[in-house]
Amino acid sequence: MNILPVIRELFQHLEWADAKVWSAVLAVPNAANDPVLRDRLYHIHGVQYGFLITWRKLPFDPARAPNVTDFPNLAALAHWAREYHVKVAEYLMTVDEPALEQIMTPPWVPMLEAKTGKPFAPTTLRETLLQVAMHSTHHRGQVNARLRELGGEPPTTDFIAWIWHGKPQPEWGEHTA
């Protein structure tokens, strides 16, 4: 079975869902000053970038990664998120089916193994791609819950909703251009 088309589709949904959430976040006036919301959004996209760096076999240096405080406002953070989706789409076009089964060990695994006191089983590129889609979905749910707490209206970002609407292109809005 060829899984690559499914993975590419998941990442198309991922961008659409991220754009929906960002549009909702940027529409809530008091979201701009909410550190919980800002930190959760930063975490989502920081993890996405961390994996992309690993997949592309680029040097991973946490000290050189942007910090949440490097973004002067939520619009700047949203712009960074949007750039990720351009980069990951380009990367996914370079991947073929055999590459999906290559062992992929993110550089932060030794730290997590030390923290848990247990060695981790090897993971493949395929598994880490799926992890990014699922991890992002989990944290988007937290962002949506926080949006509601701030008086906003969380968007529906379910995969099936994306399909029912004809798999629309993401609508990032003018604040992320």
N, C-alpha and C. Protein backbone atom coordinates (compact mmCIF):
# COMPACT_ATOMS: atom_id res chain seq x y z
N MET A 1 0.84 -1.18 0.00
CA MET A 1 0.00 0.00 0.00
C MET A 1 0.88 1.24 0.00
N ASN A 2 0.56 2.18 -0.84
CA ASN A 2 1.28 3.45 -0.86
C ASN A 2 0.65 4.39 0.15
N ILE A 3 1.41 4.75 1.18
CA ILE A 3 0.91 5.61 2.25
C ILE A 3 1.24 7.08 2.01
N LEU A 4 2.19 7.34 1.12
CA LEU A 4 2.63 8.72 0.90
C LEU A 4 1.48 9.65 0.49
N PRO A 5 0.58 9.24 -0.40
CA PRO A 5 -0.54 10.14 -0.72
C PRO A 5 -1.39 10.48 0.51
N VAL A 6 -1.56 9.52 1.41
CA VAL A 6 -2.32 9.77 2.63
C VAL A 6 -1.59 10.77 3.52
N ILE A 7 -0.28 10.61 3.65
CA ILE A 7 0.51 11.54 4.47
C ILE A 7 0.45 12.95 3.88
N ARG A 8 0.58 13.06 2.57
CA ARG A 8 0.49 14.39 1.95
C ARG A 8 -0.88 15.01 2.19
N GLU A 9 -1.92 14.18 2.13
CA GLU A 9 -3.27 14.68 2.38
C GLU A 9 -3.41 15.13 3.84
N LEU A 10 -2.83 14.39 4.76
CA LEU A 10 -2.87 14.79 6.18
C LEU A 10 -2.20 16.15 6.38
N PHE A 11 -1.11 16.38 5.67
CA PHE A 11 -0.42 17.66 5.81
C PHE A 11 -1.17 18.80 5.11
N GLN A 12 -1.94 18.48 4.08
CA GLN A 12 -2.81 19.51 3.49
C GLN A 12 -3.89 19.89 4.49
N HIS A 13 -4.46 18.89 5.15
CA HIS A 13 -5.44 19.17 6.19
C HIS A 13 -4.79 19.94 7.34
N LEU A 14 -3.60 19.54 7.72
CA LEU A 14 -2.88 20.20 8.81
C LEU A 14 -2.75 21.70 8.54
N GLU A 15 -2.38 22.07 7.33
CA GLU A 15 -2.26 23.49 7.02
C GLU A 15 -3.62 24.18 7.06
N TRP A 16 -4.62 23.56 6.49
CA TRP A 16 -5.97 24.13 6.51
C TRP A 16 -6.43 24.36 7.94
N ALA A 17 -6.23 23.36 8.80
CA ALA A 17 -6.66 23.46 10.19
C ALA A 17 -5.86 24.52 10.94
N ASP A 18 -4.55 24.56 10.73
CA ASP A 18 -3.74 25.60 11.38
C ASP A 18 -4.20 26.99 10.95
N ALA A 19 -4.48 27.15 9.67
CA ALA A 19 -4.93 28.46 9.18
C ALA A 19 -6.28 28.84 9.79
N LYS A 20 -7.19 27.87 9.93
CA LYS A 20 -8.49 28.14 10.55
C LYS A 20 -8.31 28.61 11.99
N VAL A 21 -7.44 27.93 12.71
CA VAL A 21 -7.21 28.29 14.11
C VAL A 21 -6.58 29.67 14.20
N TRP A 22 -5.58 29.92 13.35
CA TRP A 22 -4.93 31.24 13.39
C TRP A 22 -5.91 32.36 13.05
N SER A 23 -6.79 32.14 12.10
CA SER A 23 -7.79 33.16 11.76
C SER A 23 -8.68 33.45 12.97
N ALA A 24 -9.07 32.41 13.68
CA ALA A 24 -9.90 32.58 14.87
C ALA A 24 -9.13 33.28 15.98
N VAL A 25 -7.89 32.90 16.18
CA VAL A 25 -7.06 33.51 17.23
C VAL A 25 -6.88 35.00 16.96
N LEU A 26 -6.54 35.34 15.74
CA LEU A 26 -6.27 36.74 15.41
C LEU A 26 -7.53 37.60 15.42
N ALA A 27 -8.69 36.97 15.45
CA ALA A 27 -9.95 37.71 15.51
C ALA A 27 -10.39 38.04 16.95
N VAL A 28 -9.70 37.46 17.93
CA VAL A 28 -10.05 37.68 19.33
C VAL A 28 -9.14 38.75 19.91
N PRO A 29 -9.68 39.93 20.22
CA PRO A 29 -8.82 41.05 20.66
C PRO A 29 -7.94 40.74 21.88
N ASN A 30 -8.47 40.06 22.89
CA ASN A 30 -7.66 39.81 24.08
C ASN A 30 -6.74 38.61 23.94
N ALA A 31 -6.73 37.95 22.81
CA ALA A 31 -5.81 36.84 22.58
C ALA A 31 -4.37 37.34 22.47
N ALA A 32 -4.20 38.53 21.97
CA ALA A 32 -2.86 39.08 21.75
C ALA A 32 -2.04 39.15 23.02
N ASN A 33 -2.68 39.29 24.17
CA ASN A 33 -1.97 39.43 25.43
C ASN A 33 -2.04 38.18 26.31
N ASP A 34 -2.47 37.07 25.73
CA ASP A 34 -2.63 35.86 26.53
C ASP A 34 -1.40 34.96 26.39
N PRO A 35 -0.58 34.86 27.46
CA PRO A 35 0.64 34.07 27.35
C PRO A 35 0.37 32.57 27.20
N VAL A 36 -0.71 32.06 27.75
CA VAL A 36 -1.03 30.64 27.62
C VAL A 36 -1.28 30.31 26.15
N LEU A 37 -2.09 31.11 25.50
CA LEU A 37 -2.40 30.89 24.09
C LEU A 37 -1.14 31.02 23.23
N ARG A 38 -0.37 32.08 23.47
CA ARG A 38 0.86 32.30 22.71
C ARG A 38 1.82 31.11 22.87
N ASP A 39 2.00 30.64 24.10
CA ASP A 39 2.93 29.53 24.34
C ASP A 39 2.47 28.23 23.69
N ARG A 40 1.17 27.98 23.69
CA ARG A 40 0.65 26.76 23.06
C ARG A 40 0.85 26.81 21.55
N LEU A 41 0.57 27.96 20.97
CA LEU A 41 0.76 28.10 19.52
C LEU A 41 2.24 27.97 19.16
N TYR A 42 3.09 28.58 19.95
CA TYR A 42 4.52 28.47 19.71
C TYR A 42 4.97 27.01 19.80
N HIS A 43 4.45 26.29 20.78
CA HIS A 43 4.82 24.87 20.94
C HIS A 43 4.43 24.05 19.71
N ILE A 44 3.22 24.25 19.23
CA ILE A 44 2.76 23.51 18.04
C ILE A 44 3.76 23.70 16.90
N HIS A 45 4.07 24.94 16.60
CA HIS A 45 4.89 25.22 15.42
C HIS A 45 6.37 24.97 15.68
N GLY A 46 6.81 25.10 16.92
CA GLY A 46 8.19 24.75 17.25
C GLY A 46 8.44 23.27 17.04
N VAL A 47 7.50 22.44 17.44
CA VAL A 47 7.63 20.99 17.23
C VAL A 47 7.59 20.67 15.74
N GLN A 48 6.68 21.32 15.01
CA GLN A 48 6.62 21.09 13.57
C GLN A 48 7.97 21.40 12.93
N TYR A 49 8.54 22.54 13.27
CA TYR A 49 9.85 22.91 12.71
C TYR A 49 10.94 21.95 13.17
N GLY A 50 10.92 21.53 14.42
CA GLY A 50 11.94 20.60 14.92
C GLY A 50 11.98 19.32 14.10
N PHE A 51 10.81 18.79 13.82
CA PHE A 51 10.76 17.58 13.00
C PHE A 51 11.19 17.86 11.56
N LEU A 52 10.78 18.98 11.00
CA LEU A 52 11.18 19.30 9.63
C LEU A 52 12.70 19.39 9.52
N ILE A 53 13.33 20.01 10.49
CA ILE A 53 14.80 20.10 10.50
C ILE A 53 15.40 18.70 10.53
N THR A 54 14.83 17.84 11.34
CA THR A 54 15.32 16.46 11.45
C THR A 54 15.11 15.71 10.14
N TRP A 55 13.92 15.83 9.56
CA TRP A 55 13.64 15.13 8.30
C TRP A 55 14.59 15.57 7.19
N ARG A 56 14.90 16.85 7.17
CA ARG A 56 15.77 17.37 6.11
C ARG A 56 17.25 17.15 6.43
N LYS A 57 17.51 16.52 7.58
CA LYS A 57 18.89 16.20 8.00
C LYS A 57 19.75 17.45 8.14
N LEU A 58 19.13 18.51 8.65
CA LEU A 58 19.84 19.76 8.91
C LEU A 58 20.35 19.74 10.34
N PRO A 59 21.37 20.53 10.65
CA PRO A 59 21.86 20.57 12.03
C PRO A 59 20.77 21.11 12.96
N PHE A 60 20.60 20.41 14.07
CA PHE A 60 19.59 20.81 15.05
C PHE A 60 20.31 21.43 16.25
N ASP A 61 20.09 22.71 16.45
CA ASP A 61 20.72 23.42 17.55
C ASP A 61 19.63 24.20 18.28
N PRO A 62 19.14 23.67 19.41
CA PRO A 62 18.07 24.35 20.13
C PRO A 62 18.43 25.78 20.52
N ALA A 63 19.70 26.05 20.71
CA ALA A 63 20.12 27.41 21.09
C ALA A 63 19.89 28.41 19.94
N ARG A 64 19.84 27.91 18.72
CA ARG A 64 19.64 28.79 17.56
C ARG A 64 18.18 28.87 17.12
N ALA A 65 17.35 28.05 17.75
CA ALA A 65 15.92 28.06 17.39
C ALA A 65 15.27 29.34 17.91
N PRO A 66 14.29 29.85 17.19
CA PRO A 66 13.60 31.04 17.70
C PRO A 66 12.92 30.73 19.03
N ASN A 67 12.92 31.70 19.88
CA ASN A 67 12.24 31.62 21.15
C ASN A 67 10.89 32.31 21.00
N VAL A 68 9.95 31.95 21.84
CA VAL A 68 8.63 32.58 21.76
C VAL A 68 8.73 34.10 21.88
N THR A 69 9.70 34.58 22.62
CA THR A 69 9.85 36.03 22.79
C THR A 69 10.45 36.71 21.56
N ASP A 70 10.93 35.93 20.59
CA ASP A 70 11.45 36.51 19.35
C ASP A 70 10.34 37.02 18.44
N PHE A 71 9.10 36.67 18.75
CA PHE A 71 7.96 37.08 17.95
C PHE A 71 7.28 38.25 18.66
N PRO A 72 7.30 39.43 18.05
CA PRO A 72 6.78 40.62 18.74
C PRO A 72 5.27 40.59 18.97
N ASN A 73 4.57 39.78 18.19
CA ASN A 73 3.11 39.69 18.34
C ASN A 73 2.63 38.38 17.74
N LEU A 74 1.34 38.12 17.91
CA LEU A 74 0.78 36.87 17.40
C LEU A 74 0.82 36.80 15.87
N ALA A 75 0.68 37.93 15.21
CA ALA A 75 0.73 37.93 13.74
C ALA A 75 2.10 37.45 13.25
N ALA A 76 3.16 37.84 13.94
CA ALA A 76 4.51 37.39 13.56
C ALA A 76 4.65 35.89 13.78
N LEU A 77 4.08 35.39 14.86
CA LEU A 77 4.11 33.95 15.13
C LEU A 77 3.29 33.20 14.07
N ALA A 78 2.16 33.77 13.68
CA ALA A 78 1.33 33.15 12.64
C ALA A 78 2.06 33.13 11.30
N HIS A 79 2.80 34.17 11.01
CA HIS A 79 3.58 34.22 9.77
C HIS A 79 4.62 33.09 9.76
N TRP A 80 5.27 32.88 10.89
CA TRP A 80 6.25 31.78 11.04
C TRP A 80 5.57 30.44 10.81
N ALA A 81 4.37 30.28 11.35
CA ALA A 81 3.60 29.05 11.16
C ALA A 81 3.29 28.84 9.68
N ARG A 82 2.89 29.89 9.02
CA ARG A 82 2.54 29.79 7.59
C ARG A 82 3.78 29.40 6.77
N GLU A 83 4.92 29.97 7.09
CA GLU A 83 6.16 29.62 6.39
C GLU A 83 6.49 28.14 6.54
N TYR A 84 6.21 27.58 7.71
CA TYR A 84 6.46 26.15 7.92
C TYR A 84 5.71 25.33 6.87
N HIS A 85 4.46 25.67 6.66
CA HIS A 85 3.65 24.86 5.75
C HIS A 85 4.16 24.91 4.31
N VAL A 86 4.71 26.02 3.91
CA VAL A 86 5.34 26.11 2.59
C VAL A 86 6.54 25.16 2.54
N LYS A 87 7.36 25.23 3.57
CA LYS A 87 8.58 24.41 3.61
C LYS A 87 8.28 22.92 3.70
N VAL A 88 7.30 22.54 4.51
CA VAL A 88 7.01 21.11 4.65
C VAL A 88 6.38 20.56 3.38
N ALA A 89 5.56 21.36 2.69
CA ALA A 89 4.99 20.90 1.42
C ALA A 89 6.09 20.66 0.40
N GLU A 90 7.06 21.56 0.35
CA GLU A 90 8.21 21.37 -0.55
C GLU A 90 8.97 20.10 -0.18
N TYR A 91 9.19 19.89 1.10
CA TYR A 91 9.91 18.71 1.55
C TYR A 91 9.16 17.43 1.17
N LEU A 92 7.85 17.40 1.41
CA LEU A 92 7.08 16.19 1.13
C LEU A 92 7.10 15.81 -0.35
N MET A 93 7.32 16.78 -1.22
CA MET A 93 7.42 16.46 -2.65
C MET A 93 8.73 15.74 -2.98
N THR A 94 9.70 15.78 -2.08
CA THR A 94 10.98 15.11 -2.31
C THR A 94 11.02 13.70 -1.73
N VAL A 95 9.99 13.32 -0.98
CA VAL A 95 9.97 12.02 -0.30
C VAL A 95 9.34 10.97 -1.21
N ASP A 96 9.91 9.76 -1.20
CA ASP A 96 9.30 8.65 -1.91
C ASP A 96 8.93 7.56 -0.91
N GLU A 97 8.19 6.57 -1.36
CA GLU A 97 7.70 5.50 -0.48
C GLU A 97 8.83 4.80 0.28
N PRO A 98 9.92 4.38 -0.38
CA PRO A 98 10.97 3.69 0.38
C PRO A 98 11.56 4.55 1.51
N ALA A 99 11.64 5.86 1.29
CA ALA A 99 12.21 6.74 2.31
C ALA A 99 11.38 6.73 3.59
N LEU A 100 10.10 6.47 3.47
CA LEU A 100 9.22 6.48 4.64
C LEU A 100 9.61 5.45 5.69
N GLU A 101 10.30 4.40 5.28
CA GLU A 101 10.67 3.34 6.22
C GLU A 101 12.07 3.51 6.79
N GLN A 102 12.75 4.59 6.44
CA GLN A 102 14.06 4.86 7.02
C GLN A 102 13.91 5.19 8.50
N ILE A 103 14.88 4.75 9.28
CA ILE A 103 14.88 5.07 10.71
C ILE A 103 15.17 6.56 10.87
N MET A 104 14.38 7.20 11.71
CA MET A 104 14.49 8.63 11.93
C MET A 104 14.58 8.83 13.44
N THR A 105 15.73 9.28 13.88
CA THR A 105 15.92 9.51 15.32
C THR A 105 16.08 10.99 15.57
N PRO A 106 15.03 11.64 16.05
CA PRO A 106 15.15 13.06 16.37
C PRO A 106 16.24 13.30 17.41
N PRO A 107 16.95 14.40 17.31
CA PRO A 107 18.08 14.65 18.21
C PRO A 107 17.70 14.83 19.68
N TRP A 108 16.43 15.04 19.97
CA TRP A 108 16.01 15.20 21.36
C TRP A 108 15.65 13.87 22.03
N VAL A 109 15.73 12.76 21.28
CA VAL A 109 15.41 11.45 21.84
C VAL A 109 16.30 11.10 23.04
N PRO A 110 17.63 11.27 22.96
CA PRO A 110 18.45 10.92 24.14
C PRO A 110 18.02 11.67 25.42
N MET A 111 17.64 12.92 25.28
CA MET A 111 17.19 13.68 26.45
C MET A 111 15.91 13.07 27.03
N LEU A 112 14.98 12.69 26.15
CA LEU A 112 13.73 12.10 26.61
C LEU A 112 13.94 10.71 27.18
N GLU A 113 14.87 9.95 26.59
CA GLU A 113 15.19 8.64 27.15
C GLU A 113 15.76 8.79 28.57
N ALA A 114 16.65 9.76 28.75
CA ALA A 114 17.23 10.00 30.08
C ALA A 114 16.13 10.41 31.07
N LYS A 115 15.21 11.21 30.60
CA LYS A 115 14.12 11.69 31.47
C LYS A 115 13.21 10.54 31.91
N THR A 116 12.93 9.62 30.98
CA THR A 116 12.04 8.50 31.30
C THR A 116 12.77 7.31 31.89
N GLY A 117 14.10 7.27 31.68
CA GLY A 117 14.89 6.15 32.17
C GLY A 117 14.73 4.89 31.35
N LYS A 118 14.19 5.04 30.13
CA LYS A 118 13.96 3.89 29.26
C LYS A 118 14.43 4.20 27.85
N PRO A 119 15.03 3.21 27.19
CA PRO A 119 15.38 3.43 25.78
C PRO A 119 14.13 3.38 24.92
N PHE A 120 14.14 4.17 23.86
CA PHE A 120 13.01 4.22 22.94
C PHE A 120 13.25 3.25 21.78
N ALA A 121 12.17 2.70 21.27
CA ALA A 121 12.26 1.87 20.07
C ALA A 121 12.52 2.79 18.87
N PRO A 122 13.15 2.25 17.85
CA PRO A 122 13.38 3.07 16.65
C PRO A 122 12.06 3.51 16.02
N THR A 123 12.10 4.69 15.40
CA THR A 123 10.94 5.20 14.67
C THR A 123 11.34 5.47 13.23
N THR A 124 10.36 5.40 12.37
CA THR A 124 10.61 5.65 10.95
C THR A 124 10.17 7.07 10.58
N LEU A 125 10.59 7.48 9.41
CA LEU A 125 10.14 8.76 8.88
C LEU A 125 8.62 8.78 8.82
N ARG A 126 8.01 7.70 8.36
CA ARG A 126 6.55 7.60 8.28
C ARG A 126 5.91 7.86 9.64
N GLU A 127 6.43 7.23 10.67
CA GLU A 127 5.86 7.38 12.01
C GLU A 127 6.02 8.80 12.54
N THR A 128 7.14 9.42 12.25
CA THR A 128 7.34 10.80 12.73
C THR A 128 6.46 11.78 11.97
N LEU A 129 6.22 11.52 10.69
CA LEU A 129 5.28 12.37 9.93
C LEU A 129 3.88 12.28 10.52
N LEU A 130 3.47 11.06 10.85
CA LEU A 130 2.16 10.89 11.47
C LEU A 130 2.11 11.54 12.85
N GLN A 131 3.22 11.46 13.58
CA GLN A 131 3.29 12.09 14.90
C GLN A 131 3.04 13.60 14.80
N VAL A 132 3.66 14.24 13.83
CA VAL A 132 3.49 15.70 13.71
C VAL A 132 2.02 16.04 13.45
N ALA A 133 1.36 15.30 12.59
CA ALA A 133 -0.05 15.58 12.31
C ALA A 133 -0.90 15.37 13.56
N MET A 134 -0.65 14.30 14.29
CA MET A 134 -1.45 14.01 15.49
C MET A 134 -1.12 14.97 16.63
N HIS A 135 0.14 15.27 16.82
CA HIS A 135 0.56 16.19 17.88
C HIS A 135 -0.07 17.56 17.65
N SER A 136 -0.04 18.01 16.42
CA SER A 136 -0.62 19.32 16.09
C SER A 136 -2.12 19.32 16.36
N THR A 137 -2.80 18.23 16.03
CA THR A 137 -4.23 18.13 16.27
C THR A 137 -4.53 18.22 17.76
N HIS A 138 -3.77 17.50 18.56
CA HIS A 138 -3.96 17.52 20.01
C HIS A 138 -3.86 18.94 20.55
N HIS A 139 -2.81 19.64 20.19
CA HIS A 139 -2.59 20.97 20.74
C HIS A 139 -3.53 22.02 20.13
N ARG A 140 -3.99 21.81 18.89
CA ARG A 140 -5.00 22.72 18.34
C ARG A 140 -6.28 22.64 19.18
N GLY A 141 -6.59 21.46 19.68
CA GLY A 141 -7.74 21.31 20.57
C GLY A 141 -7.57 22.14 21.83
N GLN A 142 -6.36 22.16 22.38
CA GLN A 142 -6.10 22.99 23.56
C GLN A 142 -6.23 24.47 23.23
N VAL A 143 -5.73 24.85 22.06
CA VAL A 143 -5.84 26.25 21.64
C VAL A 143 -7.31 26.62 21.48
N ASN A 144 -8.10 25.73 20.89
CA ASN A 144 -9.52 26.01 20.72
C ASN A 144 -10.22 26.16 22.06
N ALA A 145 -9.87 25.33 23.03
CA ALA A 145 -10.47 25.45 24.36
C ALA A 145 -10.10 26.80 24.99
N ARG A 146 -8.85 27.20 24.82
CA ARG A 146 -8.42 28.49 25.37
C ARG A 146 -9.12 29.65 24.65
N LEU A 147 -9.31 29.51 23.35
CA LEU A 147 -10.04 30.55 22.60
C LEU A 147 -11.44 30.76 23.18
N ARG A 148 -12.11 29.67 23.47
CA ARG A 148 -13.45 29.76 24.05
C ARG A 148 -13.40 30.47 25.41
N GLU A 149 -12.39 30.14 26.22
CA GLU A 149 -12.22 30.79 27.52
C GLU A 149 -12.02 32.30 27.38
N LEU A 150 -11.40 32.70 26.27
CA LEU A 150 -11.14 34.12 26.02
C LEU A 150 -12.31 34.82 25.33
N GLY A 151 -13.39 34.09 25.10
CA GLY A 151 -14.57 34.69 24.48
C GLY A 151 -14.62 34.53 22.97
N GLY A 152 -13.70 33.78 22.41
CA GLY A 152 -13.68 33.56 20.97
C GLY A 152 -14.51 32.36 20.56
N GLU A 153 -14.64 32.20 19.27
CA GLU A 153 -15.38 31.07 18.71
C GLU A 153 -14.39 30.13 18.04
N PRO A 154 -14.12 28.96 18.66
CA PRO A 154 -13.17 28.03 18.06
C PRO A 154 -13.70 27.45 16.74
N PRO A 155 -12.86 27.36 15.74
CA PRO A 155 -13.31 26.80 14.47
C PRO A 155 -13.35 25.27 14.51
N THR A 156 -14.15 24.72 13.66
CA THR A 156 -14.15 23.27 13.47
C THR A 156 -12.99 22.93 12.54
N THR A 157 -12.12 22.06 13.01
CA THR A 157 -10.93 21.72 12.21
C THR A 157 -10.82 20.21 11.97
N ASP A 158 -11.89 19.48 12.19
CA ASP A 158 -11.87 18.04 11.99
C ASP A 158 -11.49 17.67 10.56
N PHE A 159 -10.76 16.60 10.43
CA PHE A 159 -10.36 16.10 9.12
C PHE A 159 -11.60 15.86 8.25
N ILE A 160 -12.63 15.25 8.84
CA ILE A 160 -13.83 14.94 8.06
C ILE A 160 -14.54 16.22 7.61
N ALA A 161 -14.48 17.27 8.42
CA ALA A 161 -15.09 18.55 8.02
C ALA A 161 -14.36 19.11 6.80
N TRP A 162 -13.05 18.97 6.80
CA TRP A 162 -12.25 19.42 5.66
C TRP A 162 -12.68 18.65 4.40
N ILE A 163 -12.88 17.36 4.54
CA ILE A 163 -13.32 16.54 3.39
C ILE A 163 -14.72 16.96 2.95
N TRP A 164 -15.63 17.10 3.91
CA TRP A 164 -17.02 17.47 3.57
C TRP A 164 -17.10 18.81 2.86
N HIS A 165 -16.16 19.69 3.16
CA HIS A 165 -16.15 21.01 2.50
C HIS A 165 -15.37 21.00 1.19
N GLY A 166 -14.99 19.81 0.72
CA GLY A 166 -14.32 19.69 -0.57
C GLY A 166 -12.82 19.91 -0.50
N LYS A 167 -12.21 19.67 0.67
CA LYS A 167 -10.77 19.83 0.87
C LYS A 167 -10.30 21.22 0.42
N PRO A 168 -10.87 22.25 1.03
CA PRO A 168 -10.51 23.61 0.61
C PRO A 168 -9.05 23.96 0.91
N GLN A 169 -8.57 24.91 0.18
CA GLN A 169 -7.23 25.44 0.43
C GLN A 169 -7.26 26.24 1.73
N PRO A 170 -6.12 26.34 2.41
CA PRO A 170 -6.09 27.13 3.64
C PRO A 170 -6.32 28.61 3.36
N GLU A 171 -6.96 29.27 4.29
CA GLU A 171 -7.19 30.70 4.19
C GLU A 171 -6.48 31.36 5.37
N TRP A 172 -5.28 31.81 5.13
CA TRP A 172 -4.44 32.36 6.19
C TRP A 172 -4.82 33.78 6.57
N GLY A 173 -5.34 34.54 5.66
CA GLY A 173 -5.71 35.91 5.98
C GLY A 173 -4.54 36.86 5.84
N GLU A 174 -4.87 38.12 5.86
CA GLU A 174 -3.88 39.17 5.59
C GLU A 174 -2.85 39.34 6.70
N HIS A 175 -3.17 38.93 7.91
CA HIS A 175 -2.26 39.14 9.04
C HIS A 175 -1.05 38.22 9.03
N THR A 176 -1.08 37.17 8.19
CA THR A 176 0.02 36.21 8.17
C THR A 176 0.83 36.28 6.87
N ALA A 177 0.48 37.19 5.99
CA ALA A 177 1.16 37.26 4.70
C ALA A 177 2.59 37.75 4.84
